[in-house]
Amino acid sequence: MVGGVALCVDWAAFVWMTWLELGTAPANLGARLLGALVAYSLNGLFTFREEGASKLGWQRMLRYGVLWCGMTVASTAALVMVNRVLGVQVAWLAKPLVELVLAACSFLACKYWVYK
């Protein structure tokens, strides 16, 4: 559920920013940042929390930031390539697919490394 909410925020922000003619790379960076803030907060409060305690904190936030940077580089590279070859409207459609693939990797990293 949290991933779906974060993905919707990320995608909507990306479409909005590119519609305003912001470049693909900066739009993806901004959109992923908004989605990451939503995902980190909700996952720490709900998904990966322990009995009566959230799993937020500076150490976990740092690990989440490292993971986020790697996933953002991969996502941005894929979307810039799609935009150059097929155009921005196809990049809008490709973004959820790119993010879903990355989300599977990210979930496992969050479960076993970020929120451990």
C-alpha atoms as a PDB file:
ATOM      1  CA  MET A   1       0.000   0.000   0.000  1.00  0.00           C
ATOM      2  CA  VAL A   2       2.781   2.421   0.965  1.00  0.00           C
ATOM      3  CA  GLY A   3       4.654   1.707  -2.258  1.00  0.00           C
ATOM      4  CA  GLY A   4       1.529   2.394  -4.284  1.00  0.00           C
ATOM      5  CA  VAL A   5       0.970   5.747  -2.609  1.00  0.00           C
ATOM      6  CA  ALA A   6       4.627   6.721  -3.075  1.00  0.00           C
ATOM      7  CA  LEU A   7       4.564   5.608  -6.726  1.00  0.00           C
ATOM      8  CA  CYS A   8       1.458   7.715  -7.417  1.00  0.00           C
ATOM      9  CA  VAL A   9       3.051  10.788  -5.816  1.00  0.00           C
ATOM     10  CA  ASP A  10       6.276  10.190  -7.769  1.00  0.00           C
ATOM     11  CA  TRP A  11       4.514   9.651 -11.104  1.00  0.00           C
ATOM     12  CA  ALA A  12       2.114  12.591 -10.738  1.00  0.00           C
ATOM     13  CA  ALA A  13       4.965  14.938  -9.823  1.00  0.00           C
ATOM     14  CA  PHE A  14       7.050  13.691 -12.790  1.00  0.00           C
ATOM     15  CA  VAL A  15       4.211  14.200 -15.270  1.00  0.00           C
ATOM     16  CA  TRP A  16       3.414  17.635 -13.853  1.00  0.00           C
ATOM     17  CA  MET A  17       7.041  18.826 -13.930  1.00  0.00           C
ATOM     18  CA  THR A  18       7.723  17.546 -17.452  1.00  0.00           C
ATOM     19  CA  TRP A  19       4.390  19.004 -18.618  1.00  0.00           C
ATOM     20  CA  LEU A  20       5.742  22.335 -17.338  1.00  0.00           C
ATOM     21  CA  GLU A  21       8.717  21.601 -19.637  1.00  0.00           C
ATOM     22  CA  LEU A  22      11.255  20.878 -16.914  1.00  0.00           C
ATOM     23  CA  GLY A  23      13.841  18.450 -18.282  1.00  0.00           C
ATOM     24  CA  THR A  24      13.417  14.721 -17.751  1.00  0.00           C
ATOM     25  CA  ALA A  25      16.373  14.334 -15.392  1.00  0.00           C
ATOM     26  CA  PRO A  26      15.543  17.202 -12.992  1.00  0.00           C
ATOM     27  CA  ALA A  27      11.848  16.302 -13.079  1.00  0.00           C
ATOM     28  CA  ASN A  28      12.631  12.703 -12.199  1.00  0.00           C
ATOM     29  CA  LEU A  29      14.942  13.810  -9.408  1.00  0.00           C
ATOM     30  CA  GLY A  30      12.290  16.076  -7.890  1.00  0.00           C
ATOM     31  CA  ALA A  31       9.516  13.537  -8.312  1.00  0.00           C
ATOM     32  CA  ARG A  32      11.557  10.728  -6.773  1.00  0.00           C
ATOM     33  CA  LEU A  33      12.488  12.990  -3.874  1.00  0.00           C
ATOM     34  CA  LEU A  34       8.817  13.659  -3.117  1.00  0.00           C
ATOM     35  CA  GLY A  35       7.984   9.960  -3.467  1.00  0.00           C
ATOM     36  CA  ALA A  36      10.938   9.019  -1.247  1.00  0.00           C
ATOM     37  CA  LEU A  37       9.838  11.345   1.545  1.00  0.00           C
ATOM     38  CA  VAL A  38       6.393   9.766   1.480  1.00  0.00           C
ATOM     39  CA  ALA A  39       7.783   6.209   1.301  1.00  0.00           C
ATOM     40  CA  TYR A  40      10.413   6.657   4.027  1.00  0.00           C
ATOM     41  CA  SER A  41       7.938   8.181   6.445  1.00  0.00           C
ATOM     42  CA  LEU A  42       5.104   5.731   5.854  1.00  0.00           C
ATOM     43  CA  ASN A  43       7.369   2.653   5.771  1.00  0.00           C
ATOM     44  CA  GLY A  44       9.058   3.673   9.008  1.00  0.00           C
ATOM     45  CA  LEU A  45       5.744   4.367  10.704  1.00  0.00           C
ATOM     46  CA  PHE A  46       3.763   1.394   9.401  1.00  0.00           C
ATOM     47  CA  THR A  47       5.391  -1.211   7.135  1.00  0.00           C
ATOM     48  CA  PHE A  48       8.626  -2.009   8.979  1.00  0.00           C
ATOM     49  CA  ARG A  49       7.835  -0.817  12.496  1.00  0.00           C
ATOM     50  CA  GLU A  50       8.208  -3.029  15.504  1.00  0.00           C
ATOM     51  CA  GLU A  51       5.838  -3.544  18.399  1.00  0.00           C
ATOM     52  CA  GLY A  52       4.770  -0.019  19.383  1.00  0.00           C
ATOM     53  CA  ALA A  53       7.780   1.756  17.859  1.00  0.00           C
ATOM     54  CA  SER A  54       8.482   3.272  14.481  1.00  0.00           C
ATOM     55  CA  LYS A  55      11.715   2.533  12.651  1.00  0.00           C
ATOM     56  CA  LEU A  56      12.701   6.057  11.771  1.00  0.00           C
ATOM     57  CA  GLY A  57      16.001   7.669  12.713  1.00  0.00           C
ATOM     58  CA  TRP A  58      19.171   9.212  11.304  1.00  0.00           C
ATOM     59  CA  GLN A  59      21.045   5.942  10.690  1.00  0.00           C
ATOM     60  CA  ARG A  60      18.122   4.455   8.795  1.00  0.00           C
ATOM     61  CA  MET A  61      17.597   7.704   6.923  1.00  0.00           C
ATOM     62  CA  LEU A  62      21.243   7.658   5.807  1.00  0.00           C
ATOM     63  CA  ARG A  63      20.942   4.061   4.542  1.00  0.00           C
ATOM     64  CA  TYR A  64      17.681   4.977   2.809  1.00  0.00           C
ATOM     65  CA  GLY A  65      19.440   7.938   1.179  1.00  0.00           C
ATOM     66  CA  VAL A  66      22.219   5.745  -0.181  1.00  0.00           C
ATOM     67  CA  LEU A  67      19.663   3.295  -1.589  1.00  0.00           C
ATOM     68  CA  TRP A  68      17.578   6.131  -3.000  1.00  0.00           C
ATOM     69  CA  CYS A  69      20.571   7.655  -4.803  1.00  0.00           C
ATOM     70  CA  GLY A  70      21.370   4.375  -6.553  1.00  0.00           C
ATOM     71  CA  MET A  71      17.767   3.796  -7.574  1.00  0.00           C
ATOM     72  CA  THR A  72      17.448   7.404  -8.755  1.00  0.00           C
ATOM     73  CA  VAL A  73      20.477   7.100 -11.023  1.00  0.00           C
ATOM     74  CA  ALA A  74      19.013   3.924 -12.577  1.00  0.00           C
ATOM     75  CA  SER A  75      15.544   5.432 -12.937  1.00  0.00           C
ATOM     76  CA  THR A  76      16.788   8.692 -14.422  1.00  0.00           C
ATOM     77  CA  ALA A  77      19.046   6.950 -16.934  1.00  0.00           C
ATOM     78  CA  ALA A  78      16.159   4.768 -18.120  1.00  0.00           C
ATOM     79  CA  LEU A  79      13.709   7.673 -18.430  1.00  0.00           C
ATOM     80  CA  VAL A  80      16.169   9.986 -20.193  1.00  0.00           C
ATOM     81  CA  MET A  81      16.818   7.221 -22.727  1.00  0.00           C
ATOM     82  CA  VAL A  82      13.089   6.611 -23.269  1.00  0.00           C
ATOM     83  CA  ASN A  83      12.454  10.344 -23.648  1.00  0.00           C
ATOM     84  CA  ARG A  84      15.267  10.769 -26.200  1.00  0.00           C
ATOM     85  CA  VAL A  85      14.184   7.799 -28.278  1.00  0.00           C
ATOM     86  CA  LEU A  86      10.382   7.839 -27.947  1.00  0.00           C
ATOM     87  CA  GLY A  87       9.381  11.211 -26.479  1.00  0.00           C
ATOM     88  CA  VAL A  88       8.083  12.572 -23.212  1.00  0.00           C
ATOM     89  CA  GLN A  89       4.575  11.059 -23.417  1.00  0.00           C
ATOM     90  CA  VAL A  90       6.080   7.583 -23.640  1.00  0.00           C
ATOM     91  CA  ALA A  91       8.375   8.474 -20.732  1.00  0.00           C
ATOM     92  CA  TRP A  92       5.217   9.321 -18.744  1.00  0.00           C
ATOM     93  CA  LEU A  93       3.919   5.821 -19.447  1.00  0.00           C
ATOM     94  CA  ALA A  94       7.298   4.182 -18.868  1.00  0.00           C
ATOM     95  CA  LYS A  95       7.896   5.807 -15.479  1.00  0.00           C
ATOM     96  CA  PRO A  96       5.531   3.556 -13.474  1.00  0.00           C
ATOM     97  CA  LEU A  97       7.002   0.470 -15.141  1.00  0.00           C
ATOM     98  CA  VAL A  98      10.581   1.549 -14.430  1.00  0.00           C
ATOM     99  CA  GLU A  99       9.678   2.361 -10.829  1.00  0.00           C
ATOM    100  CA  LEU A 100       7.855  -0.944 -10.300  1.00  0.00           C
ATOM    101  CA  VAL A 101      10.926  -2.903 -11.367  1.00  0.00           C
ATOM    102  CA  LEU A 102      13.126  -0.819  -9.082  1.00  0.00           C
ATOM    103  CA  ALA A 103      10.571  -1.083  -6.259  1.00  0.00           C
ATOM    104  CA  ALA A 104      11.055  -4.838  -5.990  1.00  0.00           C
ATOM    105  CA  CYS A 105      14.793  -4.364  -5.460  1.00  0.00           C
ATOM    106  CA  SER A 106      14.209  -1.422  -3.148  1.00  0.00           C
ATOM    107  CA  PHE A 107      11.716  -3.302  -0.963  1.00  0.00           C
ATOM    108  CA  LEU A 108      14.189  -6.100  -0.318  1.00  0.00           C
ATOM    109  CA  ALA A 109      16.964  -3.624   0.450  1.00  0.00           C
ATOM    110  CA  CYS A 110      14.663  -1.754   2.828  1.00  0.00           C
ATOM    111  CA  LYS A 111      13.574  -4.902   4.599  1.00  0.00           C
ATOM    112  CA  TYR A 112      17.047  -6.364   5.073  1.00  0.00           C
ATOM    113  CA  TRP A 113      19.275  -3.282   5.248  1.00  0.00           C
ATOM    114  CA  VAL A 114      17.542   0.090   5.704  1.00  0.00           C
ATOM    115  CA  TYR A 115      14.974  -0.738   8.404  1.00  0.00           C
ATOM    116  CA  LYS A 116      16.747  -3.707  10.041  1.00  0.00           C
END
